[in-house]
Structure formats: structure tokens, C-alpha cells
C-alpha atoms as a PDB file:
ATOM      1  CA  UNK A   1      60.089 115.339 146.386  1.00  0.00           C
ATOM      2  CA  UNK A   2      62.356 116.042 143.170  1.00  0.00           C
ATOM      3  CA  UNK A   3      63.657 113.246 141.907  1.00  0.00           C
ATOM      4  CA  UNK A   4      66.874 112.771 139.732  1.00  0.00           C
ATOM      5  CA  UNK A   5      67.371 114.450 136.550  1.00  0.00           C
ATOM      6  CA  UNK A   6      64.979 117.361 137.277  1.00  0.00           C
ATOM      7  CA  UNK A   7      65.988 121.153 137.048  1.00  0.00           C
ATOM      8  CA  UNK A   8      66.704 123.633 139.281  1.00  0.00           C
ATOM      9  CA  UNK A   9      64.225 126.497 139.697  1.00  0.00           C
ATOM     10  CA  UNK A  10      67.135 129.251 138.594  1.00  0.00           C
ATOM     11  CA  UNK A  11      67.665 126.782 135.318  1.00  0.00           C
ATOM     12  CA  UNK A  12      64.259 128.218 133.269  1.00  0.00           C
ATOM     13  CA  UNK A  13      63.547 131.789 133.230  1.00  0.00           C
ATOM     14  CA  UNK A  14      60.106 133.142 134.748  1.00  0.00           C
ATOM     15  CA  UNK A  15      58.270 133.297 131.218  1.00  0.00           C
ATOM     16  CA  UNK A  16      59.247 129.803 130.394  1.00  0.00           C
ATOM     17  CA  UNK A  17      57.770 128.690 133.711  1.00  0.00           C
ATOM     18  CA  UNK A  18      54.594 130.386 132.932  1.00  0.00           C
ATOM     19  CA  UNK A  19      54.323 128.864 129.726  1.00  0.00           C
ATOM     20  CA  UNK A  20      55.272 125.310 130.601  1.00  0.00           C
ATOM     21  CA  UNK A  21      53.079 122.633 130.316  1.00  0.00           C
ATOM     22  CA  UNK A  22      51.871 122.137 134.462  1.00  0.00           C
ATOM     23  CA  UNK A  23      51.742 118.447 135.005  1.00  0.00           C
ATOM     24  CA  UNK A  24      50.444 117.188 138.238  1.00  0.00           C
ATOM     25  CA  UNK A  25      52.255 114.627 139.986  1.00  0.00           C
ATOM     26  CA  UNK A  26      50.098 113.815 143.063  1.00  0.00           C
ATOM     27  CA  UNK A  27      47.840 116.067 145.589  1.00  0.00           C
ATOM     28  CA  UNK A  28      49.364 117.336 149.040  1.00  0.00           C
ATOM     29  CA  UNK A  29      46.548 115.762 151.216  1.00  0.00           C
ATOM     30  CA  UNK A  30      47.567 117.789 154.739  1.00  0.00           C
ATOM     31  CA  UNK A  31      46.461 121.331 153.342  1.00  0.00           C
ATOM     32  CA  UNK A  32      42.771 122.643 154.070  1.00  0.00           C
ATOM     33  CA  UNK A  33      42.507 123.677 150.358  1.00  0.00           C
ATOM     34  CA  UNK A  34      43.430 121.651 147.236  1.00  0.00           C
ATOM     35  CA  UNK A  35      47.029 121.282 146.722  1.00  0.00           C
ATOM     36  CA  UNK A  36      49.055 119.558 144.591  1.00  0.00           C
ATOM     37  CA  UNK A  37      52.726 119.185 143.509  1.00  0.00           C
ATOM     38  CA  UNK A  38      53.296 119.549 139.825  1.00  0.00           C
ATOM     39  CA  UNK A  39      56.428 120.118 137.672  1.00  0.00           C
ATOM     40  CA  UNK A  40      57.341 123.257 135.011  1.00  0.00           C
ATOM     41  CA  UNK A  41      59.222 121.786 132.322  1.00  0.00           C
ATOM     42  CA  UNK A  42      61.152 119.549 134.893  1.00  0.00           C
ATOM     43  CA  UNK A  43      60.820 122.203 138.011  1.00  0.00           C
ATOM     44  CA  UNK A  44      58.880 121.101 141.071  1.00  0.00           C
ATOM     45  CA  UNK A  45      56.213 123.316 142.024  1.00  0.00           C
ATOM     46  CA  UNK A  46      53.092 123.668 144.251  1.00  0.00           C
ATOM     47  CA  UNK A  47      49.638 124.486 142.593  1.00  0.00           C
ATOM     48  CA  UNK A  48      46.562 125.762 144.230  1.00  0.00           C
ATOM     49  CA  UNK A  49      43.919 126.235 142.033  1.00  0.00           C
ATOM     50  CA  UNK A  50      41.132 128.921 142.659  1.00  0.00           C
ATOM     51  CA  UNK A  51      38.684 126.033 142.212  1.00  0.00           C
ATOM     52  CA  UNK A  52      39.894 123.966 145.128  1.00  0.00           C
ATOM     53  CA  UNK A  53      39.420 127.364 147.644  1.00  0.00           C
ATOM     54  CA  UNK A  54      36.918 126.188 150.570  1.00  0.00           C
ATOM     55  CA  UNK A  55      34.794 128.999 151.449  1.00  0.00           C
ATOM     56  CA  UNK A  56      35.810 130.540 154.612  1.00  0.00           C
ATOM     57  CA  UNK A  57      33.427 133.276 157.048  1.00  0.00           C
ATOM     58  CA  UNK A  58      35.738 136.057 157.494  1.00  0.00           C
ATOM     59  CA  UNK A  59      37.885 136.102 153.951  1.00  0.00           C
ATOM     60  CA  UNK A  60      36.301 136.401 150.144  1.00  0.00           C
ATOM     61  CA  UNK A  61      35.693 133.378 148.118  1.00  0.00           C
ATOM     62  CA  UNK A  62      37.971 133.113 145.743  1.00  0.00           C
ATOM     63  CA  UNK A  63      40.897 135.345 146.628  1.00  0.00           C
ATOM     64  CA  UNK A  64      43.226 133.146 148.458  1.00  0.00           C
ATOM     65  CA  UNK A  65      45.399 132.529 145.428  1.00  0.00           C
ATOM     66  CA  UNK A  66      45.868 136.406 144.934  1.00  0.00           C
ATOM     67  CA  UNK A  67      46.909 136.905 148.533  1.00  0.00           C
ATOM     68  CA  UNK A  68      49.524 134.372 148.119  1.00  0.00           C
ATOM     69  CA  UNK A  69      51.117 135.946 145.448  1.00  0.00           C
ATOM     70  CA  UNK A  70      50.512 139.173 147.128  1.00  0.00           C
ATOM     71  CA  UNK A  71      52.926 137.617 149.817  1.00  0.00           C
ATOM     72  CA  UNK A  72      55.693 136.926 147.430  1.00  0.00           C
ATOM     73  CA  UNK A  73      55.574 140.457 145.990  1.00  0.00           C
ATOM     74  CA  UNK A  74      55.733 141.947 149.558  1.00  0.00           C
ATOM     75  CA  UNK A  75      58.657 139.266 150.610  1.00  0.00           C
ATOM     76  CA  UNK A  76      60.524 140.590 147.449  1.00  0.00           C
ATOM     77  CA  UNK A  77      60.384 144.244 148.530  1.00  0.00           C
ATOM     78  CA  UNK A  78      61.942 143.482 152.570  1.00  0.00           C
ATOM     79  CA  UNK A  79      64.162 141.789 150.111  1.00  0.00           C
ATOM     80  CA  UNK A  80      64.383 138.732 152.655  1.00  0.00           C
ATOM     81  CA  UNK A  81      63.722 135.779 150.267  1.00  0.00           C
ATOM     82  CA  UNK A  82      60.793 134.866 153.052  1.00  0.00           C
ATOM     83  CA  UNK A  83      58.248 133.666 150.284  1.00  0.00           C
ATOM     84  CA  UNK A  84      59.394 131.496 147.599  1.00  0.00           C
ATOM     85  CA  UNK A  85      58.828 132.825 144.014  1.00  0.00           C
ATOM     86  CA  UNK A  86      54.955 132.795 143.554  1.00  0.00           C
ATOM     87  CA  UNK A  87      53.052 133.687 139.898  1.00  0.00           C
ATOM     88  CA  UNK A  88      49.476 133.538 139.119  1.00  0.00           C
ATOM     89  CA  UNK A  89      48.498 130.984 135.678  1.00  0.00           C
ATOM     90  CA  UNK A  90      46.539 128.555 134.846  1.00  0.00           C
ATOM     91  CA  UNK A  91      46.650 125.035 135.455  1.00  0.00           C
ATOM     92  CA  UNK A  92      44.841 121.465 134.608  1.00  0.00           C
ATOM     93  CA  UNK A  93      42.268 122.480 137.061  1.00  0.00           C
ATOM     94  CA  UNK A  94      42.096 126.126 135.776  1.00  0.00           C
ATOM     95  CA  UNK A  95      43.812 129.180 137.167  1.00  0.00           C
ATOM     96  CA  UNK A  96      45.688 129.294 140.572  1.00  0.00           C
ATOM     97  CA  UNK A  97      48.350 129.890 142.536  1.00  0.00           C
ATOM     98  CA  UNK A  98      51.923 128.288 141.762  1.00  0.00           C
ATOM     99  CA  UNK A  99      54.954 128.375 144.026  1.00  0.00           C
ATOM    100  CA  UNK A 100      58.727 126.932 143.582  1.00  0.00           C
ATOM    101  CA  UNK A 101      58.559 123.531 145.792  1.00  0.00           C
ATOM    102  CA  UNK A 102      61.330 123.780 148.251  1.00  0.00           C
ATOM    103  CA  UNK A 103      63.196 120.853 149.933  1.00  0.00           C
ATOM    104  CA  UNK A 104      63.684 121.533 153.540  1.00  0.00           C
ATOM    105  CA  UNK A 105      66.703 120.037 155.694  1.00  0.00           C
ATOM    106  CA  UNK A 106      64.396 117.226 157.660  1.00  0.00           C
ATOM    107  CA  UNK A 107      67.475 117.376 160.608  1.00  0.00           C
ATOM    108  CA  UNK A 108      66.310 121.113 161.503  1.00  0.00           C
ATOM    109  CA  UNK A 109      63.145 122.270 163.507  1.00  0.00           C
ATOM    110  CA  UNK A 110      62.678 126.397 163.845  1.00  0.00           C
ATOM    111  CA  UNK A 111      59.487 125.438 166.042  1.00  0.00           C
ATOM    112  CA  UNK A 112      59.096 122.705 168.450  1.00  0.00           C
ATOM    113  CA  UNK A 113      57.081 121.479 171.290  1.00  0.00           C
ATOM    114  CA  UNK A 114      59.535 120.756 174.507  1.00  0.00           C
ATOM    115  CA  UNK A 115      59.107 119.749 177.749  1.00  0.00           C
ATOM    116  CA  UNK A 116      58.324 122.398 180.537  1.00  0.00           C
ATOM    117  CA  UNK A 117      61.280 121.684 182.525  1.00  0.00           C
ATOM    118  CA  UNK A 118      63.832 121.827 179.350  1.00  0.00           C
ATOM    119  CA  UNK A 119      62.652 125.229 178.781  1.00  0.00           C
ATOM    120  CA  UNK A 120      63.788 126.994 175.626  1.00  0.00           C
ATOM    121  CA  UNK A 121      67.477 126.855 175.639  1.00  0.00           C
ATOM    122  CA  UNK A 122      70.236 128.653 174.282  1.00  0.00           C
ATOM    123  CA  UNK A 123      69.044 130.246 171.161  1.00  0.00           C
ATOM    124  CA  UNK A 124      65.524 129.788 171.642  1.00  0.00           C
ATOM    125  CA  UNK A 125      62.596 131.616 172.953  1.00  0.00           C
ATOM    126  CA  UNK A 126      59.589 130.423 174.718  1.00  0.00           C
ATOM    127  CA  UNK A 127      56.049 131.649 173.160  1.00  0.00           C
ATOM    128  CA  UNK A 128      53.839 129.775 175.579  1.00  0.00           C
ATOM    129  CA  UNK A 129      53.457 127.192 178.661  1.00  0.00           C
ATOM    130  CA  UNK A 130      50.673 124.609 178.074  1.00  0.00           C
ATOM    131  CA  UNK A 131      49.577 120.794 178.601  1.00  0.00           C
ATOM    132  CA  UNK A 132      49.713 118.386 175.947  1.00  0.00           C
ATOM    133  CA  UNK A 133      46.807 115.520 175.469  1.00  0.00           C
ATOM    134  CA  UNK A 134      48.654 113.486 178.582  1.00  0.00           C
ATOM    135  CA  UNK A 135      48.550 116.595 180.814  1.00  0.00           C
ATOM    136  CA  UNK A 136      51.916 116.889 180.403  1.00  0.00           C
ATOM    137  CA  UNK A 137      53.597 120.304 180.793  1.00  0.00           C
ATOM    138  CA  UNK A 138      55.011 121.271 177.453  1.00  0.00           C
ATOM    139  CA  UNK A 139      56.486 124.625 176.068  1.00  0.00           C
ATOM    140  CA  UNK A 140      55.893 126.099 172.493  1.00  0.00           C
ATOM    141  CA  UNK A 141      59.249 127.279 171.699  1.00  0.00           C
ATOM    142  CA  UNK A 142      61.120 128.624 168.256  1.00  0.00           C
ATOM    143  CA  UNK A 143      64.960 130.056 167.308  1.00  0.00           C
ATOM    144  CA  UNK A 144      66.227 133.092 168.095  1.00  0.00           C
ATOM    145  CA  UNK A 145      67.784 133.537 165.020  1.00  0.00           C
ATOM    146  CA  UNK A 146      67.649 136.579 161.992  1.00  0.00           C
ATOM    147  CA  UNK A 147      66.134 134.885 159.470  1.00  0.00           C
ATOM    148  CA  UNK A 148      62.826 133.631 161.872  1.00  0.00           C
ATOM    149  CA  UNK A 149      62.894 137.461 162.879  1.00  0.00           C
ATOM    150  CA  UNK A 150      62.453 138.559 159.431  1.00  0.00           C
ATOM    151  CA  UNK A 151      59.876 136.328 159.117  1.00  0.00           C
ATOM    152  CA  UNK A 152      57.803 137.506 161.989  1.00  0.00           C
ATOM    153  CA  UNK A 153      58.323 141.438 161.124  1.00  0.00           C
ATOM    154  CA  UNK A 154      56.597 140.368 157.840  1.00  0.00           C
ATOM    155  CA  UNK A 155      53.819 138.213 159.277  1.00  0.00           C
ATOM    156  CA  UNK A 156      52.929 141.332 161.323  1.00  0.00           C
ATOM    157  CA  UNK A 157      53.223 143.944 158.155  1.00  0.00           C
ATOM    158  CA  UNK A 158      50.887 140.962 155.863  1.00  0.00           C
ATOM    159  CA  UNK A 159      48.631 140.240 158.610  1.00  0.00           C
ATOM    160  CA  UNK A 160      49.008 136.807 158.545  1.00  0.00           C
ATOM    161  CA  UNK A 161      46.326 135.063 160.192  1.00  0.00           C
ATOM    162  CA  UNK A 162      48.074 131.482 159.903  1.00  0.00           C
ATOM    163  CA  UNK A 163      51.393 131.418 160.711  1.00  0.00           C
ATOM    164  CA  UNK A 164      51.570 127.628 161.813  1.00  0.00           C
ATOM    165  CA  UNK A 165      55.322 125.794 162.746  1.00  0.00           C
ATOM    166  CA  UNK A 166      54.405 123.556 159.760  1.00  0.00           C
ATOM    167  CA  UNK A 167      54.336 126.660 157.142  1.00  0.00           C
ATOM    168  CA  UNK A 168      57.904 127.568 158.243  1.00  0.00           C
ATOM    169  CA  UNK A 169      60.370 125.516 156.275  1.00  0.00           C
ATOM    170  CA  UNK A 170      63.810 125.276 157.893  1.00  0.00           C
ATOM    171  CA  UNK A 171      66.098 125.046 154.356  1.00  0.00           C
ATOM    172  CA  UNK A 172      69.895 123.915 154.647  1.00  0.00           C
ATOM    173  CA  UNK A 173      72.161 126.699 155.533  1.00  0.00           C
ATOM    174  CA  UNK A 174      70.030 128.240 158.042  1.00  0.00           C
ATOM    175  CA  UNK A 175      67.832 129.873 155.827  1.00  0.00           C
ATOM    176  CA  UNK A 176      63.909 129.998 156.484  1.00  0.00           C
ATOM    177  CA  UNK A 177      60.724 130.170 153.798  1.00  0.00           C
ATOM    178  CA  UNK A 178      57.489 131.031 154.745  1.00  0.00           C
ATOM    179  CA  UNK A 179      54.894 129.213 152.907  1.00  0.00           C
ATOM    180  CA  UNK A 180      50.924 129.162 152.757  1.00  0.00           C
ATOM    181  CA  UNK A 181      50.256 132.886 152.733  1.00  0.00           C
ATOM    182  CA  UNK A 182      46.219 132.632 151.521  1.00  0.00           C
ATOM    183  CA  UNK A 183      45.058 134.000 155.042  1.00  0.00           C
ATOM    184  CA  UNK A 184      46.885 137.433 154.653  1.00  0.00           C
ATOM    185  CA  UNK A 185      45.994 140.903 153.998  1.00  0.00           C
ATOM    186  CA  UNK A 186      42.772 141.273 155.789  1.00  0.00           C
ATOM    187  CA  UNK A 187      41.761 144.707 156.927  1.00  0.00           C
ATOM    188  CA  UNK A 188      41.109 143.770 160.001  1.00  0.00           C
ATOM    189  CA  UNK A 189      43.251 143.000 162.665  1.00  0.00           C
ATOM    190  CA  UNK A 190      44.063 139.210 161.940  1.00  0.00           C
ATOM    191  CA  UNK A 191      47.571 138.336 163.502  1.00  0.00           C
ATOM    192  CA  UNK A 192      48.124 134.705 164.206  1.00  0.00           C
ATOM    193  CA  UNK A 193      51.078 133.256 164.649  1.00  0.00           C
ATOM    194  CA  UNK A 194      53.658 130.589 166.759  1.00  0.00           C
ATOM    195  CA  UNK A 195      56.373 133.620 166.569  1.00  0.00           C
ATOM    196  CA  UNK A 196      55.669 135.337 169.484  1.00  0.00           C
ATOM    197  CA  UNK A 197      59.098 134.851 171.262  1.00  0.00           C
ATOM    198  CA  UNK A 198      60.052 138.657 170.774  1.00  0.00           C
ATOM    199  CA  UNK A 199      57.240 140.174 172.187  1.00  0.00           C
ATOM    200  CA  UNK A 200      58.479 144.156 173.297  1.00  0.00           C
ATOM    201  CA  UNK A 201      61.874 143.654 171.658  1.00  0.00           C
ATOM    202  CA  UNK A 202      63.170 146.688 169.636  1.00  0.00           C
ATOM    203  CA  UNK A 203      63.441 145.966 165.931  1.00  0.00           C
ATOM    204  CA  UNK A 204      66.631 146.082 164.918  1.00  0.00           C
ATOM    205  CA  UNK A 205      67.879 148.927 162.272  1.00  0.00           C
ATOM    206  CA  UNK A 206      68.080 146.322 159.420  1.00  0.00           C
ATOM    207  CA  UNK A 207      64.230 145.331 160.017  1.00  0.00           C
ATOM    208  CA  UNK A 208      63.170 148.783 160.374  1.00  0.00           C
ATOM    209  CA  UNK A 209      64.822 149.507 156.905  1.00  0.00           C
ATOM    210  CA  UNK A 210      62.926 146.219 155.331  1.00  0.00           C
ATOM    211  CA  UNK A 211      59.314 148.088 156.713  1.00  0.00           C
ATOM    212  CA  UNK A 212      60.753 151.140 154.914  1.00  0.00           C
ATOM    213  CA  UNK A 213      61.423 149.333 151.612  1.00  0.00           C
ATOM    214  CA  UNK A 214      57.838 147.927 151.635  1.00  0.00           C
ATOM    215  CA  UNK A 215      56.162 151.162 152.620  1.00  0.00           C
ATOM    216  CA  UNK A 216      57.907 153.368 149.926  1.00  0.00           C
ATOM    217  CA  UNK A 217      57.266 150.619 147.295  1.00  0.00           C
ATOM    218  CA  UNK A 218      53.536 151.019 148.060  1.00  0.00           C
ATOM    219  CA  UNK A 219      53.693 154.333 146.215  1.00  0.00           C
ATOM    220  CA  UNK A 220      55.249 152.999 143.463  1.00  0.00           C
ATOM    221  CA  UNK A 221      55.700 149.804 141.273  1.00  0.00           C
ATOM    222  CA  UNK A 222      54.565 147.653 144.467  1.00  0.00           C
ATOM    223  CA  UNK A 223      51.765 149.172 145.191  1.00  0.00           C
ATOM    224  CA  UNK A 224      50.746 148.790 141.325  1.00  0.00           C
ATOM    225  CA  UNK A 225      51.285 145.048 141.351  1.00  0.00           C
ATOM    226  CA  UNK A 226      49.300 145.199 144.679  1.00  0.00           C
ATOM    227  CA  UNK A 227      46.655 146.744 142.945  1.00  0.00           C
ATOM    228  CA  UNK A 228      45.700 143.898 140.614  1.00  0.00           C
ATOM    229  CA  UNK A 229      45.749 141.351 143.776  1.00  0.00           C
ATOM    230  CA  UNK A 230      43.881 142.955 146.526  1.00  0.00           C
ATOM    231  CA  UNK A 231      41.349 145.651 147.110  1.00  0.00           C
ATOM    232  CA  UNK A 232      42.278 149.257 147.579  1.00  0.00           C
ATOM    233  CA  UNK A 233      41.394 149.012 151.215  1.00  0.00           C
ATOM    234  CA  UNK A 234      43.682 146.226 151.532  1.00  0.00           C
ATOM    235  CA  UNK A 235      46.382 148.051 150.527  1.00  0.00           C
ATOM    236  CA  UNK A 236      45.774 150.951 152.433  1.00  0.00           C
ATOM    237  CA  UNK A 237      45.545 148.929 155.669  1.00  0.00           C
ATOM    238  CA  UNK A 238      48.601 147.426 154.591  1.00  0.00           C
ATOM    239  CA  UNK A 239      50.564 150.579 154.553  1.00  0.00           C
ATOM    240  CA  UNK A 240      48.882 151.548 157.733  1.00  0.00           C
ATOM    241  CA  UNK A 241      50.535 148.603 159.108  1.00  0.00           C
ATOM    242  CA  UNK A 242      54.195 149.752 157.736  1.00  0.00           C
ATOM    243  CA  UNK A 243      53.842 153.040 159.530  1.00  0.00           C
ATOM    244  CA  UNK A 244      52.376 151.780 162.735  1.00  0.00           C
ATOM    245  CA  UNK A 245      55.310 149.245 163.064  1.00  0.00           C
ATOM    246  CA  UNK A 246      57.618 151.637 162.030  1.00  0.00           C
ATOM    247  CA  UNK A 247      56.731 154.346 164.824  1.00  0.00           C
ATOM    248  CA  UNK A 248      56.673 152.066 167.214  1.00  0.00           C
ATOM    249  CA  UNK A 249      59.572 150.275 166.119  1.00  0.00           C
ATOM    250  CA  UNK A 250      59.289 147.039 168.651  1.00  0.00           C
ATOM    251  CA  UNK A 251      57.631 143.427 167.834  1.00  0.00           C
ATOM    252  CA  UNK A 252      53.618 143.679 168.872  1.00  0.00           C
ATOM    253  CA  UNK A 253      51.667 142.089 171.532  1.00  0.00           C
ATOM    254  CA  UNK A 254      48.506 139.895 170.771  1.00  0.00           C
ATOM    255  CA  UNK A 255      45.877 142.094 170.901  1.00  0.00           C
ATOM    256  CA  UNK A 256      41.442 141.590 170.342  1.00  0.00           C
ATOM    257  CA  UNK A 257      39.413 139.027 171.215  1.00  0.00           C
ATOM    258  CA  UNK A 258      40.855 136.142 168.681  1.00  0.00           C
ATOM    259  CA  UNK A 259      43.493 133.640 169.362  1.00  0.00           C
ATOM    260  CA  UNK A 260      47.081 134.600 169.373  1.00  0.00           C
ATOM    261  CA  UNK A 261      48.243 131.867 167.728  1.00  0.00           C
ATOM    262  CA  UNK A 262      46.746 129.269 164.553  1.00  0.00           C
ATOM    263  CA  UNK A 263      45.159 125.756 165.576  1.00  0.00           C
ATOM    264  CA  UNK A 264      46.575 123.333 165.230  1.00  0.00           C
ATOM    265  CA  UNK A 265      50.055 125.045 166.235  1.00  0.00           C
ATOM    266  CA  UNK A 266      51.749 122.855 163.101  1.00  0.00           C
END
């Protein structure tokens, strides 16, 4: 957690953040890959070195940092500030991804498990019913908010294979940040998410406009940037997902043989 006397993220320009010494403060042990809390000129950041990425059977080795940065670039094209500022730079363990640290509101939860008899309640959406370790009937729910709908649309477009509940940061004031986007942009359908509560609902005009901004950007500056982070096939698949979602204009249903939700859920 940031301490007193530290700078706010906006107080240093991006160039300064890129050249400031990256000091490590500790390791985030809950992450599956090597992940560290660090500081750049007093600004707290998360640092994920490429050297600390564990091999995966379905994603090429050494590409997760690039995918995190690509997710940020697509987030910026949407214009919804889903992903905190993320970029590539060198660090104590070599090149990797750096992302501005966020302090969520500990009193808020955007996703929760509740007793089945309680149900989702007003302002919430049901994802699925199940049973916990004590065989009690429970329901996975998430809030029904504009910020979370935007994140769900973002996840569909980037083909997020790992949207866990703890990857959603409930910020003070109602904003929601999404983090941990290393498992994105696969050419095959990989969408695994806890945000299925709008299944079949029509996309809003504002959500469709966001998709259009991303699709248009792929023929310009966004496409040029992603070409240095992803393969040509992955960028083409991204364009196809934009076109398909724009055409259907509804939140899709799970498909294929893979699980529809990540595990663990949080």
C-alpha cells in the first residue's frame, strides 16, 4: 500500500516513470507469476518481469507482459479507463510489465458469493448457482453497473481467459479497474469470466460506440502499436471479435468445451 509522502501517479510524466529507477518493495505472493510491488520516483507500481512468467500450455512463452500492455492500449481505445496505465520497461529482474498501483475501496465488492436463498438482490446479477465446501447452496453474483458492463465488453473483445473476481478492483466513487490481463488475445476462443450476468442483453449505444473506436483504431495508431506486442494473427482475431460483437450487438453466451468461468473464482 502506498505510504505517506508518496507522489500521485499523475505527478510524473510517462517519460519520467520510464526512466526512474524501479525499486522493489516486496513480492505479491498471491499471484501465479512473479509479481512485485515497486516504486518509480515515489509512485507505487506493480512489476511483472518476463523472466518470472511460468510456461503455459496454451499461450506462447514470454508473451504475458506484452499482452498486459496490449490490453491497456485497447482499454485506452475504448476510452473507459478499464485498465490502469501499463507499459514495458526494464527492472531489477529484467524487462517486464509495469502498471500503476491502485488502492481499491475495501468496503466494496463488485463480485460476491451469497447464500442461494438471498439471491442477487436489487442492483445485482446472478451468474450461476452452486454449492460450497460445506455443501451449502450459494450463488455467484456481480453488480449491475455501467462500469462493470464496460469491463465485460472489454473482456469479450480482448478474449480474456482469466477474469476472476479479485481481478476487479472496486475503486472509491464507483469506478472499476480490471487487472491481470496476461491471458488475453488468443486466436482461439478463450473467454473465461465471472461477468456472465448480462447474457443475451442488448449492448447499449455507448458500448457499441466503444467497440467502433477500437475497430477503427486497428487500422491506425492502435493497430501499429499492437503489431509490436501481438502476432498478426492475434490482431486479426481481435478485429474479427469486434466485428462479430458489433454485428450481434448482444452479450454472448459461453460456447465451446472449455469452462465458462476461471478457477478459482477469486
